Amino acid sequence: MIQSFVNQAPTLQPTQGGKKGKQTGFTLIELMITMSIAAILLTVAVPSFNTTIANNRLATHTNSLVTDLNVARSEAVKRGTTVVLCSSSNPNAAAPTCIGSGNIWTSGWIVFVNGTGDTDASQFAAATDTLLKVSSGATGTTTVLSGATLNVFNYRADGTNSGAVADFAICDDRGVNFGRQVQIRTTGRPRLISGDATTPLGSCTSPS
């Protein structure tokens, strides 16, 4: 049986003139062309990928701020009392504190119920206040700044804010053409504005 299988096996026939059969593969020129095309594609794709990452980072920080503003507003209405959102340099601490002055929100913020009902509340007091949310703030080159040195934002029981206006700018090192702005007027509802080359934000450092 083995002998029969051997007899049936095909035999390799030499090519004409004793030359080897044609072998497939890349030539050096084809390989160089392929590598050149790949290099061009990488040159185009990498900056676009980096832009996508940066845009997603801005969107994440902006959405976090808008979400927490909406939480503060809805909780103020639901609880019938003042709810505060303030910038904080230690939002993840056991007893976080509000930044006393300035307009820098990059390091984070906290949302809490003001147990005393004081509409001018500027500090979280663990003994009387209820902590609702914390945000660790921005990462990378992203900055979160408010206008008019606003470091504390209060929502009243009717959902309105205690000040006339409040503006936040969320930007990175690309500047106003890519920045986001969150506007809050007396109604208390946050409004989002995105900057671009045609309509850039007015400012990344002093929004208004």
C-alpha atoms as a PDB file:
ATOM      1  CA  MET A   1       0.000   0.000   0.000  1.00  0.00           C
ATOM      2  CA  ILE A   2       2.866   2.322   0.824  1.00  0.00           C
ATOM      3  CA  GLN A   3       4.488   1.460  -2.485  1.00  0.00           C
ATOM      4  CA  SER A   4       1.243   2.259  -4.306  1.00  0.00           C
ATOM      5  CA  PHE A   5       1.058   5.694  -2.623  1.00  0.00           C
ATOM      6  CA  VAL A   6       4.640   6.468  -3.607  1.00  0.00           C
ATOM      7  CA  ASN A   7       3.970   5.497  -7.194  1.00  0.00           C
ATOM      8  CA  GLN A   8       0.964   7.852  -7.315  1.00  0.00           C
ATOM      9  CA  ALA A   9       2.806  10.857  -5.814  1.00  0.00           C
ATOM     10  CA  PRO A  10       3.453  13.647  -8.321  1.00  0.00           C
ATOM     11  CA  THR A  11       6.987  14.223  -9.446  1.00  0.00           C
ATOM     12  CA  LEU A  12       8.566  17.651  -9.811  1.00  0.00           C
ATOM     13  CA  GLN A  13       9.469  18.443 -13.393  1.00  0.00           C
ATOM     14  CA  PRO A  14      12.472  20.627 -14.123  1.00  0.00           C
ATOM     15  CA  THR A  15      11.736  23.870 -15.904  1.00  0.00           C
ATOM     16  CA  GLN A  16      12.847  24.441 -19.440  1.00  0.00           C
ATOM     17  CA  GLY A  17      16.581  24.893 -19.727  1.00  0.00           C
ATOM     18  CA  GLY A  18      17.150  23.718 -16.156  1.00  0.00           C
ATOM     19  CA  LYS A  19      16.160  27.122 -14.728  1.00  0.00           C
ATOM     20  CA  LYS A  20      14.342  27.484 -11.407  1.00  0.00           C
ATOM     21  CA  GLY A  21      10.618  28.205 -11.367  1.00  0.00           C
ATOM     22  CA  LYS A  22       9.379  31.773 -10.864  1.00  0.00           C
ATOM     23  CA  GLN A  23       9.267  32.861  -7.187  1.00  0.00           C
ATOM     24  CA  THR A  24       6.771  35.429  -5.941  1.00  0.00           C
ATOM     25  CA  GLY A  25       7.554  38.220  -3.434  1.00  0.00           C
ATOM     26  CA  PHE A  26       8.320  41.928  -3.064  1.00  0.00           C
ATOM     27  CA  THR A  27      11.090  43.528  -4.986  1.00  0.00           C
ATOM     28  CA  LEU A  28      13.197  46.156  -3.258  1.00  0.00           C
ATOM     29  CA  ILE A  29      11.466  48.923  -5.217  1.00  0.00           C
ATOM     30  CA  GLU A  30       8.003  47.632  -4.269  1.00  0.00           C
ATOM     31  CA  LEU A  31       9.023  47.439  -0.621  1.00  0.00           C
ATOM     32  CA  MET A  32      10.346  51.013  -0.672  1.00  0.00           C
ATOM     33  CA  ILE A  33       7.119  52.266  -2.272  1.00  0.00           C
ATOM     34  CA  THR A  34       5.025  50.466   0.368  1.00  0.00           C
ATOM     35  CA  MET A  35       7.094  51.927   3.200  1.00  0.00           C
ATOM     36  CA  SER A  36       6.817  55.425   1.708  1.00  0.00           C
ATOM     37  CA  ILE A  37       3.027  55.167   1.521  1.00  0.00           C
ATOM     38  CA  ALA A  38       2.894  53.899   5.111  1.00  0.00           C
ATOM     39  CA  ALA A  39       5.035  56.834   6.273  1.00  0.00           C
ATOM     40  CA  ILE A  40       2.719  59.312   4.537  1.00  0.00           C
ATOM     41  CA  LEU A  41      -0.351  57.710   6.119  1.00  0.00           C
ATOM     42  CA  LEU A  42       1.247  57.876   9.570  1.00  0.00           C
ATOM     43  CA  THR A  43       2.133  61.538   9.044  1.00  0.00           C
ATOM     44  CA  VAL A  44      -1.526  62.287   8.341  1.00  0.00           C
ATOM     45  CA  ALA A  45      -3.090  59.918  10.887  1.00  0.00           C
ATOM     46  CA  VAL A  46      -1.022  60.636  14.021  1.00  0.00           C
ATOM     47  CA  PRO A  47      -1.844  64.391  14.286  1.00  0.00           C
ATOM     48  CA  SER A  48      -5.501  63.613  13.618  1.00  0.00           C
ATOM     49  CA  PHE A  49      -5.465  60.956  16.341  1.00  0.00           C
ATOM     50  CA  ASN A  50      -3.844  63.374  18.803  1.00  0.00           C
ATOM     51  CA  THR A  51      -6.481  65.994  17.979  1.00  0.00           C
ATOM     52  CA  THR A  52      -9.234  63.465  18.637  1.00  0.00           C
ATOM     53  CA  ILE A  53      -7.745  62.591  22.030  1.00  0.00           C
ATOM     54  CA  ALA A  54      -7.442  66.281  22.984  1.00  0.00           C
ATOM     55  CA  ASN A  55     -11.014  67.004  21.866  1.00  0.00           C
ATOM     56  CA  ASN A  56     -12.329  64.050  23.857  1.00  0.00           C
ATOM     57  CA  ARG A  57     -10.454  65.259  26.939  1.00  0.00           C
ATOM     58  CA  LEU A  58     -12.024  68.727  26.634  1.00  0.00           C
ATOM     59  CA  ALA A  59     -15.463  67.206  26.120  1.00  0.00           C
ATOM     60  CA  THR A  60     -15.055  64.984  29.186  1.00  0.00           C
ATOM     61  CA  HIS A  61     -14.107  67.872  31.483  1.00  0.00           C
ATOM     62  CA  THR A  62     -16.836  70.100  30.052  1.00  0.00           C
ATOM     63  CA  ASN A  63     -19.512  67.432  30.442  1.00  0.00           C
ATOM     64  CA  SER A  64     -18.375  66.787  34.007  1.00  0.00           C
ATOM     65  CA  LEU A  65     -18.834  70.461  34.905  1.00  0.00           C
ATOM     66  CA  VAL A  66     -22.220  70.717  33.178  1.00  0.00           C
ATOM     67  CA  THR A  67     -23.407  67.518  34.867  1.00  0.00           C
ATOM     68  CA  ASP A  68     -22.409  68.770  38.308  1.00  0.00           C
ATOM     69  CA  LEU A  69     -24.074  72.135  37.702  1.00  0.00           C
ATOM     70  CA  ASN A  70     -27.292  70.337  36.772  1.00  0.00           C
ATOM     71  CA  VAL A  71     -27.004  68.106  39.842  1.00  0.00           C
ATOM     72  CA  ALA A  72     -26.550  71.144  42.088  1.00  0.00           C
ATOM     73  CA  ARG A  73     -29.551  72.867  40.535  1.00  0.00           C
ATOM     74  CA  SER A  74     -31.871  69.863  40.710  1.00  0.00           C
ATOM     75  CA  GLU A  75     -30.861  69.052  44.286  1.00  0.00           C
ATOM     76  CA  ALA A  76     -31.517  72.642  45.347  1.00  0.00           C
ATOM     77  CA  VAL A  77     -35.050  72.423  43.949  1.00  0.00           C
ATOM     78  CA  LYS A  78     -35.678  68.939  45.334  1.00  0.00           C
ATOM     79  CA  ARG A  79     -34.406  69.743  48.817  1.00  0.00           C
ATOM     80  CA  GLY A  80     -35.785  73.275  48.916  1.00  0.00           C
ATOM     81  CA  THR A  81     -32.499  74.750  50.107  1.00  0.00           C
ATOM     82  CA  THR A  82     -29.227  76.212  48.860  1.00  0.00           C
ATOM     83  CA  VAL A  83     -26.796  73.890  47.094  1.00  0.00           C
ATOM     84  CA  VAL A  84     -23.247  75.075  46.508  1.00  0.00           C
ATOM     85  CA  LEU A  85     -20.678  74.267  43.837  1.00  0.00           C
ATOM     86  CA  CYS A  86     -17.225  75.628  44.658  1.00  0.00           C
ATOM     87  CA  SER A  87     -13.687  75.244  43.351  1.00  0.00           C
ATOM     88  CA  SER A  88     -11.486  73.057  45.536  1.00  0.00           C
ATOM     89  CA  SER A  89      -7.794  72.253  45.703  1.00  0.00           C
ATOM     90  CA  ASN A  90      -8.489  69.028  47.644  1.00  0.00           C
ATOM     91  CA  PRO A  91     -11.829  67.661  46.374  1.00  0.00           C
ATOM     92  CA  ASN A  92     -10.993  64.053  47.265  1.00  0.00           C
ATOM     93  CA  ALA A  93     -10.002  64.797  50.858  1.00  0.00           C
ATOM     94  CA  ALA A  94     -12.037  63.474  53.769  1.00  0.00           C
ATOM     95  CA  ALA A  95     -13.063  67.059  54.523  1.00  0.00           C
ATOM     96  CA  PRO A  96     -12.607  69.020  51.276  1.00  0.00           C
ATOM     97  CA  THR A  97     -12.448  72.801  51.319  1.00  0.00           C
ATOM     98  CA  CYS A  98     -13.395  75.527  48.884  1.00  0.00           C
ATOM     99  CA  ILE A  99     -10.699  77.724  47.392  1.00  0.00           C
ATOM    100  CA  GLY A 100     -11.081  81.070  49.097  1.00  0.00           C
ATOM    101  CA  SER A 101     -10.557  83.332  46.093  1.00  0.00           C
ATOM    102  CA  GLY A 102      -9.605  83.476  42.442  1.00  0.00           C
ATOM    103  CA  ASN A 103     -11.105  81.938  39.323  1.00  0.00           C
ATOM    104  CA  ILE A 104      -9.129  78.677  39.014  1.00  0.00           C
ATOM    105  CA  TRP A 105     -11.228  75.494  38.910  1.00  0.00           C
ATOM    106  CA  THR A 106      -8.621  73.276  37.265  1.00  0.00           C
ATOM    107  CA  SER A 107      -7.799  71.339  40.444  1.00  0.00           C
ATOM    108  CA  GLY A 108     -11.434  70.306  40.922  1.00  0.00           C
ATOM    109  CA  TRP A 109     -14.675  71.242  42.646  1.00  0.00           C
ATOM    110  CA  ILE A 110     -17.262  69.952  45.097  1.00  0.00           C
ATOM    111  CA  VAL A 111     -21.059  70.094  45.326  1.00  0.00           C
ATOM    112  CA  PHE A 112     -22.693  70.224  48.740  1.00  0.00           C
ATOM    113  CA  VAL A 113     -25.935  71.087  50.494  1.00  0.00           C
ATOM    114  CA  ASN A 114     -25.552  74.146  52.664  1.00  0.00           C
ATOM    115  CA  GLY A 115     -27.034  73.006  55.963  1.00  0.00           C
ATOM    116  CA  THR A 116     -27.309  76.529  57.359  1.00  0.00           C
ATOM    117  CA  GLY A 117     -29.269  77.836  54.376  1.00  0.00           C
ATOM    118  CA  ASP A 118     -26.874  80.745  53.935  1.00  0.00           C
ATOM    119  CA  THR A 119     -27.032  81.867  50.294  1.00  0.00           C
ATOM    120  CA  ASP A 120     -23.509  83.280  50.595  1.00  0.00           C
ATOM    121  CA  ALA A 121     -21.985  79.996  51.740  1.00  0.00           C
ATOM    122  CA  SER A 122     -18.344  79.785  50.757  1.00  0.00           C
ATOM    123  CA  GLN A 123     -17.012  76.786  52.707  1.00  0.00           C
ATOM    124  CA  PHE A 124     -18.007  73.174  53.228  1.00  0.00           C
ATOM    125  CA  ALA A 125     -18.618  72.315  56.888  1.00  0.00           C
ATOM    126  CA  ALA A 126     -18.752  68.572  57.505  1.00  0.00           C
ATOM    127  CA  ALA A 127     -20.742  69.062  60.710  1.00  0.00           C
ATOM    128  CA  THR A 128     -23.680  70.820  59.047  1.00  0.00           C
ATOM    129  CA  ASP A 129     -23.352  70.365  55.268  1.00  0.00           C
ATOM    130  CA  THR A 130     -23.966  67.322  53.055  1.00  0.00           C
ATOM    131  CA  LEU A 131     -21.399  66.505  50.382  1.00  0.00           C
ATOM    132  CA  LEU A 132     -23.111  65.446  47.140  1.00  0.00           C
ATOM    133  CA  LYS A 133     -20.415  65.200  44.475  1.00  0.00           C
ATOM    134  CA  VAL A 134     -16.702  65.728  43.927  1.00  0.00           C
ATOM    135  CA  SER A 135     -14.697  66.239  40.749  1.00  0.00           C
ATOM    136  CA  SER A 136     -10.954  65.729  40.508  1.00  0.00           C
ATOM    137  CA  GLY A 137     -10.675  68.487  37.935  1.00  0.00           C
ATOM    138  CA  ALA A 138      -8.773  68.673  34.671  1.00  0.00           C
ATOM    139  CA  THR A 139      -5.813  66.688  33.375  1.00  0.00           C
ATOM    140  CA  GLY A 140      -3.063  67.297  30.841  1.00  0.00           C
ATOM    141  CA  THR A 141      -2.882  70.863  29.560  1.00  0.00           C
ATOM    142  CA  THR A 142      -6.589  71.493  30.188  1.00  0.00           C
ATOM    143  CA  THR A 143      -7.584  74.439  32.363  1.00  0.00           C
ATOM    144  CA  VAL A 144     -10.976  75.287  33.859  1.00  0.00           C
ATOM    145  CA  LEU A 145     -11.362  78.969  34.710  1.00  0.00           C
ATOM    146  CA  SER A 146     -14.320  81.124  35.669  1.00  0.00           C
ATOM    147  CA  GLY A 147     -15.004  84.753  34.972  1.00  0.00           C
ATOM    148  CA  ALA A 148     -15.033  87.602  37.485  1.00  0.00           C
ATOM    149  CA  THR A 149     -12.942  85.685  40.057  1.00  0.00           C
ATOM    150  CA  LEU A 150     -15.879  83.366  40.726  1.00  0.00           C
ATOM    151  CA  ASN A 151     -14.917  80.553  43.088  1.00  0.00           C
ATOM    152  CA  VAL A 152     -18.323  79.739  44.629  1.00  0.00           C
ATOM    153  CA  PHE A 153     -21.590  79.165  42.796  1.00  0.00           C
ATOM    154  CA  ASN A 154     -24.896  78.917  44.702  1.00  0.00           C
ATOM    155  CA  TYR A 155     -28.225  77.521  43.531  1.00  0.00           C
ATOM    156  CA  ARG A 156     -31.330  78.675  45.381  1.00  0.00           C
ATOM    157  CA  ALA A 157     -34.348  76.519  46.215  1.00  0.00           C
ATOM    158  CA  ASP A 158     -36.139  77.766  43.080  1.00  0.00           C
ATOM    159  CA  GLY A 159     -33.266  76.647  40.812  1.00  0.00           C
ATOM    160  CA  THR A 160     -31.934  80.113  40.081  1.00  0.00           C
ATOM    161  CA  ASN A 161     -28.394  81.200  40.851  1.00  0.00           C
ATOM    162  CA  SER A 162     -27.505  83.796  43.432  1.00  0.00           C
ATOM    163  CA  GLY A 163     -25.486  85.896  40.979  1.00  0.00           C
ATOM    164  CA  ALA A 164     -26.391  87.593  37.712  1.00  0.00           C
ATOM    165  CA  VAL A 165     -24.073  85.578  35.451  1.00  0.00           C
ATOM    166  CA  ALA A 166     -21.426  82.897  35.651  1.00  0.00           C
ATOM    167  CA  ASP A 167     -19.084  81.809  32.884  1.00  0.00           C
ATOM    168  CA  PHE A 168     -16.565  78.983  32.722  1.00  0.00           C
ATOM    169  CA  ALA A 169     -13.906  78.421  30.056  1.00  0.00           C
ATOM    170  CA  ILE A 170     -12.466  74.954  29.479  1.00  0.00           C
ATOM    171  CA  CYS A 171      -9.373  75.151  27.277  1.00  0.00           C
ATOM    172  CA  ASP A 172      -6.082  73.425  26.541  1.00  0.00           C
ATOM    173  CA  ASP A 173      -2.821  74.604  24.988  1.00  0.00           C
ATOM    174  CA  ARG A 174      -4.517  74.968  21.578  1.00  0.00           C
ATOM    175  CA  GLY A 175      -6.324  78.090  22.770  1.00  0.00           C
ATOM    176  CA  VAL A 176      -9.663  79.715  22.000  1.00  0.00           C
ATOM    177  CA  ASN A 177     -10.231  77.975  18.658  1.00  0.00           C
ATOM    178  CA  PHE A 178     -10.772  74.661  20.429  1.00  0.00           C
ATOM    179  CA  GLY A 179     -12.060  75.810  23.825  1.00  0.00           C
ATOM    180  CA  ARG A 180     -15.475  75.286  25.394  1.00  0.00           C
ATOM    181  CA  GLN A 181     -17.461  77.798  27.405  1.00  0.00           C
ATOM    182  CA  VAL A 182     -20.264  77.126  29.872  1.00  0.00           C
ATOM    183  CA  GLN A 183     -22.598  80.050  30.536  1.00  0.00           C
ATOM    184  CA  ILE A 184     -25.086  80.261  33.404  1.00  0.00           C
ATOM    185  CA  ARG A 185     -27.561  83.111  33.681  1.00  0.00           C
ATOM    186  CA  THR A 186     -30.121  83.888  36.397  1.00  0.00           C
ATOM    187  CA  THR A 187     -32.371  80.993  35.340  1.00  0.00           C
ATOM    188  CA  GLY A 188     -29.579  78.662  36.453  1.00  0.00           C
ATOM    189  CA  ARG A 189     -29.491  76.514  33.325  1.00  0.00           C
ATOM    190  CA  PRO A 190     -25.974  75.911  31.915  1.00  0.00           C
ATOM    191  CA  ARG A 191     -25.458  76.678  28.225  1.00  0.00           C
ATOM    192  CA  LEU A 192     -22.544  75.231  26.258  1.00  0.00           C
ATOM    193  CA  ILE A 193     -20.572  77.124  23.606  1.00  0.00           C
ATOM    194  CA  SER A 194     -17.798  75.501  21.553  1.00  0.00           C
ATOM    195  CA  GLY A 195     -15.080  77.600  19.966  1.00  0.00           C
ATOM    196  CA  ASP A 196     -13.686  77.069  16.475  1.00  0.00           C
ATOM    197  CA  ALA A 197     -11.624  78.947  13.908  1.00  0.00           C
ATOM    198  CA  THR A 198     -14.681  80.909  12.736  1.00  0.00           C
ATOM    199  CA  THR A 199     -16.134  81.774  16.145  1.00  0.00           C
ATOM    200  CA  PRO A 200     -13.414  81.355  18.784  1.00  0.00           C
ATOM    201  CA  LEU A 201     -14.080  81.905  22.455  1.00  0.00           C
ATOM    202  CA  GLY A 202     -13.576  85.432  23.684  1.00  0.00           C
ATOM    203  CA  SER A 203     -10.998  84.291  26.230  1.00  0.00           C
ATOM    204  CA  CYS A 204      -9.644  81.154  27.858  1.00  0.00           C
ATOM    205  CA  THR A 205      -8.437  83.026  30.937  1.00  0.00           C
ATOM    206  CA  SER A 206     -11.238  85.499  31.648  1.00  0.00           C
ATOM    207  CA  PRO A 207     -14.547  84.252  30.200  1.00  0.00           C
ATOM    208  CA  SER A 208     -17.509  86.585  30.117  1.00  0.00           C
END
